[in-house]
Amino acid sequence: MAGIQKLTLFGGAGIAAFALLLLIISVATPAWLDDGNGNTIGLFRKCAATNGSANVDLGCHGENRVTQGGLSVFGLLLLIFAIFATIAATFTRNAMLFLVSLGLMYFSSMFVMSAYATWGSYSRDPKSYLFPDTSSITRYTTMGYSYNLCVAAHFFLWSALTLVAFGIGHFWGSERNASG
């Protein structure tokens, strides 16, 4: 296998590993939705900073968002398998393993995108995430850093997918030219 092919495939696996890191942080942190007053909601935890005028720190408690949490975790697992499949395919030069790595990366990206897309519709419904009333000022919510990390992970995942697809195409083109 030519050096450019290996470099491209390993580069794609490296970018996918960075996307995996961002996705792990995104899933693990409780700030997918933020009201600006210290109240946040994540995929598996809801944190409330104060309880109205009593100024009592309520802390965090478990509160699962089954749809978005499941989509994110499944996308994360698919990405782990895709990285291993890409590295294994680079060393073994197995054409079927190349296709598997592309498929796993593609479906991982679809699950990750579905997680943050469905979160967007969830975040527009204030009845689904009642924060404690911390002031008489009109409350607002914004997407938190965890959500933004998931979106960034999806961008890097597509960048990795593009590099891996380019490397596989170069591999198949050189194999075809060598045999013909």
Protein backbone atom coordinates (compact mmCIF):
# COMPACT_ATOMS: atom_id res chain seq x y z
CA MET A 1 0.00 0.00 0.00
CA ALA A 2 1.41 3.38 -0.98
CA GLY A 3 2.43 5.87 1.67
CA ILE A 4 -0.25 8.38 0.70
CA GLN A 5 -2.96 5.76 1.19
CA LYS A 6 -1.76 4.82 4.66
CA LEU A 7 -1.27 8.44 5.61
CA THR A 8 -4.77 9.33 4.48
CA LEU A 9 -6.36 6.36 6.26
CA PHE A 10 -4.43 6.94 9.48
CA GLY A 11 -5.21 10.66 9.26
CA GLY A 12 -8.89 9.83 8.94
CA ALA A 13 -8.68 7.46 11.90
CA GLY A 14 -6.89 10.16 13.92
CA ILE A 15 -9.54 12.77 13.16
CA ALA A 16 -12.21 10.18 14.00
CA ALA A 17 -10.46 9.58 17.33
CA PHE A 18 -10.60 13.33 18.03
CA ALA A 19 -14.32 13.29 17.15
CA LEU A 20 -14.70 10.37 19.56
CA LEU A 21 -13.06 12.38 22.34
CA LEU A 22 -15.41 15.32 21.72
CA LEU A 23 -18.39 12.97 21.67
CA ILE A 24 -17.40 11.29 24.93
CA ILE A 25 -17.10 14.67 26.64
CA SER A 26 -20.40 15.78 25.13
CA VAL A 27 -22.29 12.72 26.35
CA ALA A 28 -20.71 12.80 29.81
CA THR A 29 -21.29 16.46 30.66
CA PRO A 30 -24.65 17.88 31.78
CA ALA A 31 -24.83 21.09 29.73
CA TRP A 32 -26.78 20.43 26.58
CA LEU A 33 -29.25 23.14 27.62
CA ASP A 34 -28.34 26.14 29.78
CA ASP A 35 -30.57 28.88 31.18
CA GLY A 36 -27.69 31.22 32.02
CA ASN A 37 -28.29 30.99 35.78
CA GLY A 38 -26.38 27.77 36.43
CA ASN A 39 -29.29 25.47 35.62
CA THR A 40 -28.37 22.91 32.98
CA ILE A 41 -29.78 19.78 31.39
CA GLY A 42 -27.69 17.02 29.89
CA LEU A 43 -28.49 13.67 28.37
CA PHE A 44 -28.45 11.87 31.70
CA ARG A 45 -28.43 14.60 34.38
CA LYS A 46 -30.31 17.77 35.27
CA CYS A 47 -28.53 20.32 37.45
CA ALA A 48 -30.31 23.13 39.25
CA ALA A 49 -28.24 25.87 40.86
CA THR A 50 -30.79 27.47 43.19
CA ASN A 51 -34.33 27.02 44.38
CA GLY A 52 -35.95 30.39 43.84
CA SER A 53 -35.50 32.98 46.60
CA ALA A 54 -34.33 30.33 49.11
CA ASN A 55 -30.88 30.25 47.43
CA VAL A 56 -30.51 26.55 48.17
CA ASP A 57 -28.15 24.65 45.88
CA LEU A 58 -30.20 21.77 44.51
CA GLY A 59 -27.29 20.00 42.78
CA CYS A 60 -27.59 17.43 40.04
CA HIS A 61 -29.85 14.41 39.78
CA GLY A 62 -30.36 11.71 37.20
CA GLU A 63 -32.85 12.51 34.50
CA ASN A 64 -32.47 10.54 31.28
CA ARG A 65 -33.30 11.80 27.83
CA VAL A 66 -33.82 8.35 26.40
CA THR A 67 -33.96 9.25 22.71
CA GLN A 68 -30.99 11.60 22.53
CA GLY A 69 -28.93 9.62 25.05
CA GLY A 70 -29.48 6.36 23.19
CA LEU A 71 -28.68 7.89 19.81
CA SER A 72 -25.49 9.48 21.15
CA VAL A 73 -24.25 6.37 22.92
CA PHE A 74 -24.98 4.14 19.93
CA GLY A 75 -23.21 6.59 17.62
CA LEU A 76 -20.26 6.64 20.02
CA LEU A 77 -20.02 2.85 20.00
CA LEU A 78 -20.25 2.69 16.21
CA LEU A 79 -17.46 5.26 16.00
CA ILE A 80 -15.20 3.18 18.25
CA PHE A 81 -15.74 0.13 16.04
CA ALA A 82 -15.21 2.24 12.89
CA ILE A 83 -11.83 3.48 14.13
CA PHE A 84 -10.66 -0.06 14.88
CA ALA A 85 -12.00 -1.31 11.53
CA THR A 86 -10.19 1.48 9.66
CA ILE A 87 -6.88 0.72 11.35
CA ALA A 88 -7.29 -3.03 10.87
CA ALA A 89 -8.23 -2.57 7.20
CA THR A 90 -5.16 -0.41 6.64
CA PHE A 91 -2.88 -3.14 7.93
CA THR A 92 -4.67 -6.14 6.41
CA ARG A 93 -5.68 -4.49 3.11
CA ASN A 94 -8.99 -6.35 3.31
CA ALA A 95 -11.51 -4.80 0.91
CA MET A 96 -14.52 -5.96 2.94
CA LEU A 97 -13.09 -4.42 6.11
CA PHE A 98 -12.68 -1.13 4.24
CA LEU A 99 -16.38 -1.18 3.39
CA VAL A 100 -17.27 -2.05 6.97
CA SER A 101 -15.21 0.86 8.29
CA LEU A 102 -16.92 3.28 5.91
CA GLY A 103 -20.36 1.96 6.81
CA LEU A 104 -19.71 2.15 10.54
CA MET A 105 -18.42 5.71 10.27
CA TYR A 106 -21.35 6.77 8.13
CA PHE A 107 -23.98 5.29 10.44
CA SER A 108 -22.17 6.67 13.47
CA SER A 109 -22.44 10.14 11.97
CA MET A 110 -26.14 9.63 11.29
CA PHE A 111 -26.82 8.62 14.90
CA VAL A 112 -24.81 11.56 16.26
CA MET A 113 -26.60 13.98 13.94
CA SER A 114 -29.97 12.52 14.94
CA ALA A 115 -29.11 13.04 18.60
CA TYR A 116 -28.44 16.74 18.29
CA ALA A 117 -31.22 17.29 15.75
CA THR A 118 -33.85 15.76 18.05
CA TRP A 119 -32.39 17.72 20.96
CA GLY A 120 -33.06 20.90 19.01
CA SER A 121 -36.78 20.17 18.87
CA TYR A 122 -36.77 19.10 22.54
CA SER A 123 -35.12 22.34 23.62
CA ARG A 124 -37.87 24.46 22.05
CA ASP A 125 -40.54 23.00 24.34
CA PRO A 126 -40.23 24.73 27.75
CA LYS A 127 -42.73 22.33 29.33
CA SER A 128 -40.27 19.47 28.92
CA TYR A 129 -37.41 20.98 30.94
CA LEU A 130 -38.89 23.05 33.76
CA PHE A 131 -36.07 24.95 35.44
CA PRO A 132 -36.64 26.43 38.91
CA ASP A 133 -37.71 30.05 38.75
CA THR A 134 -34.59 31.91 39.82
CA SER A 135 -35.71 35.47 39.20
CA SER A 136 -38.54 37.58 37.92
CA ILE A 137 -36.51 38.33 34.79
CA THR A 138 -37.74 36.48 31.73
CA ARG A 139 -35.87 33.22 31.57
CA TYR A 140 -34.19 32.06 28.41
CA THR A 141 -32.28 28.98 27.44
CA THR A 142 -29.40 28.43 25.09
CA MET A 143 -27.67 25.36 23.81
CA GLY A 144 -24.86 24.53 26.21
CA TYR A 145 -21.29 23.53 25.53
CA SER A 146 -22.12 19.81 25.57
CA TYR A 147 -24.50 20.27 22.65
CA ASN A 148 -21.90 22.32 20.78
CA LEU A 149 -19.28 19.60 21.37
CA CYS A 150 -21.64 17.05 19.83
CA VAL A 151 -22.09 19.25 16.75
CA ALA A 152 -18.30 19.71 16.50
CA ALA A 153 -17.82 15.94 16.87
CA HIS A 154 -20.19 15.44 13.94
CA PHE A 155 -18.17 17.90 11.82
CA PHE A 156 -14.90 16.12 12.59
CA LEU A 157 -16.55 12.75 12.02
CA TRP A 158 -17.58 13.82 8.50
CA SER A 159 -14.07 15.14 7.89
CA ALA A 160 -12.66 11.76 8.94
CA LEU A 161 -15.21 9.94 6.80
CA THR A 162 -14.16 12.01 3.78
CA LEU A 163 -10.47 11.25 4.33
CA VAL A 164 -11.09 7.53 4.82
CA ALA A 165 -13.29 7.37 1.71
CA PHE A 166 -10.59 9.17 -0.27
CA GLY A 167 -7.92 6.75 1.04
CA ILE A 168 -10.05 3.71 0.21
CA GLY A 169 -10.78 5.04 -3.27
CA HIS A 170 -7.07 5.60 -3.83
CA PHE A 171 -6.36 2.08 -2.57
CA TRP A 172 -8.92 0.49 -4.90
CA GLY A 173 -7.74 2.60 -7.84
CA SER A 174 -4.12 1.55 -7.33
CA GLU A 175 -5.13 -2.12 -6.92
CA ARG A 176 -7.12 -1.95 -10.13
CA ASN A 177 -4.30 -0.32 -12.04
CA ALA A 178 -1.78 -2.83 -10.70
CA SER A 179 -3.88 -5.83 -11.78
CA GLY A 180 -4.85 -4.48 -15.20
